[in-house]
Amino acid sequence: MERTDARDPRAWAVVPAGGRGRRMGPGPPKQYLELGGVPLVVHALKGLLACPRVEAAVLVTPPEDLERAAALVAAHGLERVVGPVAGGATRQDSVRAGLARVPEGVQVVAVHDAARPFPDPGRLERAIRMAAGGVGVVIGRPAADTVKRVDDGGRVVETPDRARLWQAFTPQVFPFKMIAAAYDAAHREGVTGTDDAALVERTGGTVVMLEGGREALKVTTPDDLITARAWLGDRD
């Protein structure tokens, strides 16, 4: 029987895993680099599925990675992972392909980057419950540094009030109908957003920030990988 109670929301996750990791240097795409012998993408999937509200996760990869990703899913016993699903030319195309695999009746969807290996299940559960009330929720952090807005020549034209600036990370969590409609509208209109929330914002949806911690780390450079390995050791 379909559950509709916002206190007990039914949620799925969509995990785009298409980054090529050019800033990481030579080697496999960054989502397949290992922490403690386990690929980043597997850490990310396990963290999402550890949240008691997440029933399943859709893994989206480039078509050429489908076989490798399927082998990882099988090797790590990720029975609640759907796919892998072939993504598109951009992250936005890939998330849309993942949303298409979410079944009817799911109330909430969390979109999470495969290169962020440590999603916090407790914080994700809080975000899911908030999203079930009708808002988008972005895990993020208040800006710690002063930010400058510059023109094309690099001249500073504005120093925004840092107290009102946040860095946006993932998971980003939304009512399923809200995020699906936002992606469909962007596809029809040829619009590209800087993140999932930007597409929801442009269609009039309300988005709120939820402060995250160290689990927001995104592995982009070799230094990030060193930090992630050190933190994994602290957790163990």
C-alpha atoms as a PDB file:
ATOM      1  CA  MET A   1       0.000   0.000   0.000  1.00  0.00           C
ATOM      2  CA  GLU A   2       1.357   3.440  -0.918  1.00  0.00           C
ATOM      3  CA  ARG A   3       2.422   5.551   2.036  1.00  0.00           C
ATOM      4  CA  THR A   4       1.476   9.228   1.890  1.00  0.00           C
ATOM      5  CA  ASP A   5       2.199  10.324   5.470  1.00  0.00           C
ATOM      6  CA  ALA A   6       4.892  13.044   5.422  1.00  0.00           C
ATOM      7  CA  ARG A   7       6.101  11.722   8.771  1.00  0.00           C
ATOM      8  CA  ASP A   8       7.073   8.480   7.045  1.00  0.00           C
ATOM      9  CA  PRO A   9       8.172   9.603   3.565  1.00  0.00           C
ATOM     10  CA  ARG A  10       9.178   7.146   0.902  1.00  0.00           C
ATOM     11  CA  ALA A  11      12.486   8.293  -0.625  1.00  0.00           C
ATOM     12  CA  TRP A  12      14.870   7.232  -3.382  1.00  0.00           C
ATOM     13  CA  ALA A  13      18.303   8.561  -4.303  1.00  0.00           C
ATOM     14  CA  VAL A  14      19.744   9.378  -7.727  1.00  0.00           C
ATOM     15  CA  VAL A  15      23.537   9.196  -7.999  1.00  0.00           C
ATOM     16  CA  PRO A  16      25.164  10.600 -11.155  1.00  0.00           C
ATOM     17  CA  ALA A  17      28.625   9.068 -11.537  1.00  0.00           C
ATOM     18  CA  GLY A  18      29.898  10.489 -14.795  1.00  0.00           C
ATOM     19  CA  GLY A  19      32.809  12.721 -13.814  1.00  0.00           C
ATOM     20  CA  ARG A  20      36.075  12.156 -15.673  1.00  0.00           C
ATOM     21  CA  GLY A  21      38.190  13.668 -12.868  1.00  0.00           C
ATOM     22  CA  ARG A  22      40.609  15.654 -15.038  1.00  0.00           C
ATOM     23  CA  ARG A  23      41.916  17.619 -12.031  1.00  0.00           C
ATOM     24  CA  MET A  24      42.772  14.329 -10.356  1.00  0.00           C
ATOM     25  CA  GLY A  25      45.354  13.534 -13.036  1.00  0.00           C
ATOM     26  CA  PRO A  26      46.070  10.209 -14.756  1.00  0.00           C
ATOM     27  CA  GLY A  27      44.164   7.120 -13.692  1.00  0.00           C
ATOM     28  CA  PRO A  28      40.572   5.932 -13.540  1.00  0.00           C
ATOM     29  CA  PRO A  29      37.640   8.355 -13.196  1.00  0.00           C
ATOM     30  CA  LYS A  30      37.616   9.711  -9.666  1.00  0.00           C
ATOM     31  CA  GLN A  31      34.431   7.902  -8.621  1.00  0.00           C
ATOM     32  CA  TYR A  32      36.338   4.605  -8.977  1.00  0.00           C
ATOM     33  CA  LEU A  33      39.331   5.659  -6.873  1.00  0.00           C
ATOM     34  CA  GLU A  34      39.523   3.687  -3.638  1.00  0.00           C
ATOM     35  CA  LEU A  35      39.281   4.586   0.029  1.00  0.00           C
ATOM     36  CA  GLY A  36      40.153   1.650   2.254  1.00  0.00           C
ATOM     37  CA  GLY A  37      39.907  -0.663  -0.733  1.00  0.00           C
ATOM     38  CA  VAL A  38      36.388   0.510  -1.605  1.00  0.00           C
ATOM     39  CA  PRO A  39      35.614   2.848  -4.563  1.00  0.00           C
ATOM     40  CA  LEU A  40      34.292   6.328  -3.813  1.00  0.00           C
ATOM     41  CA  VAL A  41      30.997   5.602  -5.556  1.00  0.00           C
ATOM     42  CA  VAL A  42      30.414   2.531  -3.387  1.00  0.00           C
ATOM     43  CA  HIS A  43      31.063   4.550  -0.222  1.00  0.00           C
ATOM     44  CA  ALA A  44      28.531   7.126  -1.450  1.00  0.00           C
ATOM     45  CA  LEU A  45      25.878   4.512  -2.246  1.00  0.00           C
ATOM     46  CA  LYS A  46      26.321   2.728   1.090  1.00  0.00           C
ATOM     47  CA  GLY A  47      26.011   6.013   2.971  1.00  0.00           C
ATOM     48  CA  LEU A  48      22.792   6.905   1.197  1.00  0.00           C
ATOM     49  CA  LEU A  49      21.279   3.454   1.677  1.00  0.00           C
ATOM     50  CA  ALA A  50      22.171   3.535   5.384  1.00  0.00           C
ATOM     51  CA  CYS A  51      19.500   6.210   5.803  1.00  0.00           C
ATOM     52  CA  PRO A  52      16.339   4.425   6.997  1.00  0.00           C
ATOM     53  CA  ARG A  53      14.136   6.537   4.708  1.00  0.00           C
ATOM     54  CA  VAL A  54      15.998   5.666   1.482  1.00  0.00           C
ATOM     55  CA  GLU A  55      14.489   2.591  -0.150  1.00  0.00           C
ATOM     56  CA  ALA A  56      16.743   2.435  -3.219  1.00  0.00           C
ATOM     57  CA  ALA A  57      19.321   4.358  -5.226  1.00  0.00           C
ATOM     58  CA  VAL A  58      19.551   4.782  -9.007  1.00  0.00           C
ATOM     59  CA  LEU A  59      23.174   4.751 -10.192  1.00  0.00           C
ATOM     60  CA  VAL A  60      23.737   6.653 -13.457  1.00  0.00           C
ATOM     61  CA  THR A  61      26.976   6.265 -15.414  1.00  0.00           C
ATOM     62  CA  PRO A  62      28.277   6.988 -18.919  1.00  0.00           C
ATOM     63  CA  PRO A  63      27.345   4.174 -21.323  1.00  0.00           C
ATOM     64  CA  GLU A  64      30.978   3.045 -21.531  1.00  0.00           C
ATOM     65  CA  ASP A  65      31.072   2.542 -17.728  1.00  0.00           C
ATOM     66  CA  LEU A  66      27.942   0.406 -17.388  1.00  0.00           C
ATOM     67  CA  GLU A  67      29.783  -2.911 -17.240  1.00  0.00           C
ATOM     68  CA  ARG A  68      32.336  -1.720 -14.682  1.00  0.00           C
ATOM     69  CA  ALA A  69      29.660  -0.129 -12.500  1.00  0.00           C
ATOM     70  CA  ALA A  70      27.458  -3.234 -12.637  1.00  0.00           C
ATOM     71  CA  ALA A  71      30.398  -5.352 -11.502  1.00  0.00           C
ATOM     72  CA  LEU A  72      31.002  -3.055  -8.524  1.00  0.00           C
ATOM     73  CA  VAL A  73      27.345  -3.128  -7.516  1.00  0.00           C
ATOM     74  CA  ALA A  74      27.367  -6.927  -7.592  1.00  0.00           C
ATOM     75  CA  ALA A  75      30.734  -7.286  -5.856  1.00  0.00           C
ATOM     76  CA  HIS A  76      29.669  -5.104  -2.927  1.00  0.00           C
ATOM     77  CA  GLY A  77      26.216  -6.632  -2.482  1.00  0.00           C
ATOM     78  CA  LEU A  78      24.329  -3.420  -3.221  1.00  0.00           C
ATOM     79  CA  GLU A  79      20.978  -5.109  -3.763  1.00  0.00           C
ATOM     80  CA  ARG A  80      18.978  -1.884  -3.460  1.00  0.00           C
ATOM     81  CA  VAL A  81      20.862  -0.145  -6.261  1.00  0.00           C
ATOM     82  CA  VAL A  82      18.850   0.210  -9.477  1.00  0.00           C
ATOM     83  CA  GLY A  83      20.908   0.085 -12.644  1.00  0.00           C
ATOM     84  CA  PRO A  84      23.434   1.225 -13.512  1.00  0.00           C
ATOM     85  CA  VAL A  85      21.508   3.393 -15.948  1.00  0.00           C
ATOM     86  CA  ALA A  86      23.128   5.006 -18.978  1.00  0.00           C
ATOM     87  CA  GLY A  87      23.425   8.757 -18.517  1.00  0.00           C
ATOM     88  CA  GLY A  88      23.656  11.590 -21.003  1.00  0.00           C
ATOM     89  CA  ALA A  89      26.243  14.066 -22.229  1.00  0.00           C
ATOM     90  CA  THR A  90      25.959  16.269 -19.126  1.00  0.00           C
ATOM     91  CA  ARG A  91      25.298  15.791 -15.427  1.00  0.00           C
ATOM     92  CA  GLN A  92      21.874  17.357 -15.939  1.00  0.00           C
ATOM     93  CA  ASP A  93      21.025  14.825 -18.644  1.00  0.00           C
ATOM     94  CA  SER A  94      22.201  12.026 -16.371  1.00  0.00           C
ATOM     95  CA  VAL A  95      20.125  13.131 -13.391  1.00  0.00           C
ATOM     96  CA  ARG A  96      17.081  13.345 -15.651  1.00  0.00           C
ATOM     97  CA  ALA A  97      17.747   9.770 -16.819  1.00  0.00           C
ATOM     98  CA  GLY A  98      17.938   8.673 -13.184  1.00  0.00           C
ATOM     99  CA  LEU A  99      14.708  10.448 -12.264  1.00  0.00           C
ATOM    100  CA  ALA A 100      12.982   8.526 -15.052  1.00  0.00           C
ATOM    101  CA  ARG A 101      13.703   5.290 -13.158  1.00  0.00           C
ATOM    102  CA  VAL A 102      12.088   6.436  -9.909  1.00  0.00           C
ATOM    103  CA  PRO A 103       8.718   4.669  -9.546  1.00  0.00           C
ATOM    104  CA  GLU A 104       5.356   6.297  -8.946  1.00  0.00           C
ATOM    105  CA  GLY A 105       4.492   6.659  -5.287  1.00  0.00           C
ATOM    106  CA  VAL A 106       7.935   7.835  -4.211  1.00  0.00           C
ATOM    107  CA  GLN A 107       7.520  11.141  -2.411  1.00  0.00           C
ATOM    108  CA  VAL A 108      11.080  12.402  -2.102  1.00  0.00           C
ATOM    109  CA  VAL A 109      14.277  12.163  -4.169  1.00  0.00           C
ATOM    110  CA  ALA A 110      17.818  12.899  -2.992  1.00  0.00           C
ATOM    111  CA  VAL A 111      20.377  13.711  -5.690  1.00  0.00           C
ATOM    112  CA  HIS A 112      23.958  13.041  -4.617  1.00  0.00           C
ATOM    113  CA  ASP A 113      27.332  13.225  -6.336  1.00  0.00           C
ATOM    114  CA  ALA A 114      29.306   9.984  -6.519  1.00  0.00           C
ATOM    115  CA  ALA A 115      32.514  11.866  -5.667  1.00  0.00           C
ATOM    116  CA  ARG A 116      31.182  12.794  -2.204  1.00  0.00           C
ATOM    117  CA  PRO A 117      31.834   9.511  -0.387  1.00  0.00           C
ATOM    118  CA  PHE A 118      30.505  10.333   3.085  1.00  0.00           C
ATOM    119  CA  PRO A 119      26.806  11.305   3.039  1.00  0.00           C
ATOM    120  CA  ASP A 120      25.535  11.420   6.614  1.00  0.00           C
ATOM    121  CA  PRO A 121      22.487   9.144   7.015  1.00  0.00           C
ATOM    122  CA  GLY A 122      21.088  11.097   9.954  1.00  0.00           C
ATOM    123  CA  ARG A 123      21.335  14.471   8.264  1.00  0.00           C
ATOM    124  CA  LEU A 124      19.882  12.975   5.089  1.00  0.00           C
ATOM    125  CA  GLU A 125      16.914  11.636   7.029  1.00  0.00           C
ATOM    126  CA  ARG A 126      16.271  15.112   8.409  1.00  0.00           C
ATOM    127  CA  ALA A 127      16.445  16.583   4.894  1.00  0.00           C
ATOM    128  CA  ILE A 128      14.010  13.964   3.586  1.00  0.00           C
ATOM    129  CA  ARG A 129      11.481  14.740   6.304  1.00  0.00           C
ATOM    130  CA  MET A 130      11.798  18.463   5.531  1.00  0.00           C
ATOM    131  CA  ALA A 131      11.377  17.859   1.787  1.00  0.00           C
ATOM    132  CA  ALA A 132       8.255  15.789   2.432  1.00  0.00           C
ATOM    133  CA  GLY A 133       6.720  19.031   3.685  1.00  0.00           C
ATOM    134  CA  GLY A 134       7.011  20.567   0.221  1.00  0.00           C
ATOM    135  CA  VAL A 135      10.419  22.289   0.029  1.00  0.00           C
ATOM    136  CA  GLY A 136      13.765  21.546  -1.562  1.00  0.00           C
ATOM    137  CA  VAL A 137      16.610  21.041   0.906  1.00  0.00           C
ATOM    138  CA  VAL A 138      20.291  21.596   0.088  1.00  0.00           C
ATOM    139  CA  ILE A 139      23.035  20.337   2.357  1.00  0.00           C
ATOM    140  CA  GLY A 140      25.592  23.123   2.557  1.00  0.00           C
ATOM    141  CA  ARG A 141      27.714  25.335   4.723  1.00  0.00           C
ATOM    142  CA  PRO A 142      27.861  29.090   5.417  1.00  0.00           C
ATOM    143  CA  ALA A 143      30.658  30.753   3.443  1.00  0.00           C
ATOM    144  CA  ALA A 144      33.804  30.940   5.574  1.00  0.00           C
ATOM    145  CA  ASP A 145      35.695  33.357   3.316  1.00  0.00           C
ATOM    146  CA  THR A 146      34.903  36.733   1.835  1.00  0.00           C
ATOM    147  CA  VAL A 147      33.568  36.396  -1.716  1.00  0.00           C
ATOM    148  CA  LYS A 148      34.173  38.953  -4.480  1.00  0.00           C
ATOM    149  CA  ARG A 149      32.096  39.470  -7.603  1.00  0.00           C
ATOM    150  CA  VAL A 150      34.230  40.613 -10.538  1.00  0.00           C
ATOM    151  CA  ASP A 151      33.740  41.777 -14.123  1.00  0.00           C
ATOM    152  CA  ASP A 152      35.235  40.170 -17.243  1.00  0.00           C
ATOM    153  CA  GLY A 153      38.518  41.943 -16.615  1.00  0.00           C
ATOM    154  CA  GLY A 154      38.856  40.701 -13.043  1.00  0.00           C
ATOM    155  CA  ARG A 155      37.953  44.056 -11.455  1.00  0.00           C
ATOM    156  CA  VAL A 156      35.999  43.739  -8.206  1.00  0.00           C
ATOM    157  CA  VAL A 157      32.510  45.170  -8.627  1.00  0.00           C
ATOM    158  CA  GLU A 158      30.878  43.920  -5.425  1.00  0.00           C
ATOM    159  CA  THR A 159      31.643  42.306  -2.079  1.00  0.00           C
ATOM    160  CA  PRO A 160      28.441  40.484  -1.102  1.00  0.00           C
ATOM    161  CA  ASP A 161      27.478  40.159   2.550  1.00  0.00           C
ATOM    162  CA  ARG A 162      29.113  36.893   3.591  1.00  0.00           C
ATOM    163  CA  ALA A 163      26.455  36.329   6.255  1.00  0.00           C
ATOM    164  CA  ARG A 164      23.969  35.610   3.452  1.00  0.00           C
ATOM    165  CA  LEU A 165      26.209  33.325   1.381  1.00  0.00           C
ATOM    166  CA  TRP A 166      26.297  29.533   1.576  1.00  0.00           C
ATOM    167  CA  GLN A 167      28.228  26.874  -0.290  1.00  0.00           C
ATOM    168  CA  ALA A 168      25.878  24.299  -1.803  1.00  0.00           C
ATOM    169  CA  PHE A 169      26.828  20.619  -1.662  1.00  0.00           C
ATOM    170  CA  THR A 170      24.915  17.365  -2.002  1.00  0.00           C
ATOM    171  CA  PRO A 171      22.709  15.570  -1.144  1.00  0.00           C
ATOM    172  CA  GLN A 172      20.091  17.942  -2.523  1.00  0.00           C
ATOM    173  CA  VAL A 173      16.652  16.651  -1.574  1.00  0.00           C
ATOM    174  CA  PHE A 174      13.283  17.480  -3.120  1.00  0.00           C
ATOM    175  CA  PRO A 175       9.676  16.364  -3.388  1.00  0.00           C
ATOM    176  CA  PHE A 176       9.792  14.027  -6.385  1.00  0.00           C
ATOM    177  CA  LYS A 177       7.121  15.879  -8.360  1.00  0.00           C
ATOM    178  CA  MET A 178       8.935  19.181  -7.787  1.00  0.00           C
ATOM    179  CA  ILE A 179      12.349  18.041  -9.053  1.00  0.00           C
ATOM    180  CA  ALA A 180      10.907  16.002 -11.931  1.00  0.00           C
ATOM    181  CA  ALA A 181       8.882  18.996 -13.150  1.00  0.00           C
ATOM    182  CA  ALA A 182      11.904  21.293 -12.849  1.00  0.00           C
ATOM    183  CA  TYR A 183      14.074  18.945 -14.908  1.00  0.00           C
ATOM    184  CA  ASP A 184      11.383  18.493 -17.539  1.00  0.00           C
ATOM    185  CA  ALA A 185      10.975  22.276 -17.852  1.00  0.00           C
ATOM    186  CA  ALA A 186      14.728  22.782 -18.197  1.00  0.00           C
ATOM    187  CA  HIS A 187      14.871  20.093 -20.882  1.00  0.00           C
ATOM    188  CA  ARG A 188      12.028  21.661 -22.864  1.00  0.00           C
ATOM    189  CA  GLU A 189      13.480  25.154 -22.612  1.00  0.00           C
ATOM    190  CA  GLY A 190      17.139  24.281 -23.132  1.00  0.00           C
ATOM    191  CA  VAL A 191      18.168  25.654 -19.729  1.00  0.00           C
ATOM    192  CA  THR A 192      21.265  24.494 -17.836  1.00  0.00           C
ATOM    193  CA  GLY A 193      21.424  24.974 -14.064  1.00  0.00           C
ATOM    194  CA  THR A 194      24.513  25.148 -11.890  1.00  0.00           C
ATOM    195  CA  ASP A 195      22.962  22.569  -9.567  1.00  0.00           C
ATOM    196  CA  ASP A 196      19.684  20.738  -9.022  1.00  0.00           C
ATOM    197  CA  ALA A 197      18.306  23.420  -6.742  1.00  0.00           C
ATOM    198  CA  ALA A 198      18.837  26.118  -9.377  1.00  0.00           C
ATOM    199  CA  LEU A 199      16.386  24.333 -11.672  1.00  0.00           C
ATOM    200  CA  VAL A 200      13.816  24.125  -8.892  1.00  0.00           C
ATOM    201  CA  GLU A 201      14.316  27.793  -7.994  1.00  0.00           C
ATOM    202  CA  ARG A 202      13.679  28.942 -11.573  1.00  0.00           C
ATOM    203  CA  THR A 203      10.322  27.135 -11.610  1.00  0.00           C
ATOM    204  CA  GLY A 204       9.208  28.827  -8.385  1.00  0.00           C
ATOM    205  CA  GLY A 205       9.997  26.098  -5.868  1.00  0.00           C
ATOM    206  CA  THR A 206      11.112  26.989  -2.350  1.00  0.00           C
ATOM    207  CA  VAL A 207      14.594  25.762  -1.408  1.00  0.00           C
ATOM    208  CA  VAL A 208      16.140  25.927   2.062  1.00  0.00           C
ATOM    209  CA  MET A 209      19.665  25.222   3.312  1.00  0.00           C
ATOM    210  CA  LEU A 210      20.566  22.602   5.910  1.00  0.00           C
ATOM    211  CA  GLU A 211      24.036  22.883   7.380  1.00  0.00           C
ATOM    212  CA  GLY A 212      26.322  19.913   6.766  1.00  0.00           C
ATOM    213  CA  GLY A 213      29.658  18.896   8.186  1.00  0.00           C
ATOM    214  CA  ARG A 214      32.778  17.155   6.990  1.00  0.00           C
ATOM    215  CA  GLU A 215      30.709  14.585   5.134  1.00  0.00           C
ATOM    216  CA  ALA A 216      30.200  17.195   2.396  1.00  0.00           C
ATOM    217  CA  LEU A 217      33.796  16.644   1.214  1.00  0.00           C
ATOM    218  CA  LYS A 218      34.000  16.262  -2.562  1.00  0.00           C
ATOM    219  CA  VAL A 219      37.018  14.427  -3.947  1.00  0.00           C
ATOM    220  CA  THR A 220      38.252  16.510  -6.874  1.00  0.00           C
ATOM    221  CA  THR A 221      42.038  16.725  -6.473  1.00  0.00           C
ATOM    222  CA  PRO A 222      44.772  14.438  -5.100  1.00  0.00           C
ATOM    223  CA  ASP A 223      44.782  16.512  -1.889  1.00  0.00           C
ATOM    224  CA  ASP A 224      41.070  15.827  -1.428  1.00  0.00           C
ATOM    225  CA  LEU A 225      41.754  12.112  -1.718  1.00  0.00           C
ATOM    226  CA  ILE A 226      44.411  12.347   1.002  1.00  0.00           C
ATOM    227  CA  THR A 227      41.927  14.179   3.251  1.00  0.00           C
ATOM    228  CA  ALA A 228      39.220  11.583   2.581  1.00  0.00           C
ATOM    229  CA  ARG A 229      41.576   8.719   3.393  1.00  0.00           C
ATOM    230  CA  ALA A 230      42.612  10.401   6.637  1.00  0.00           C
ATOM    231  CA  TRP A 231      38.997  10.966   7.634  1.00  0.00           C
ATOM    232  CA  LEU A 232      38.089   7.379   6.813  1.00  0.00           C
ATOM    233  CA  GLY A 233      40.856   6.320   9.220  1.00  0.00           C
ATOM    234  CA  ASP A 234      39.426   8.576  11.929  1.00  0.00           C
ATOM    235  CA  ARG A 235      35.971   7.052  11.439  1.00  0.00           C
ATOM    236  CA  ASP A 236      37.348   3.519  11.700  1.00  0.00           C
END
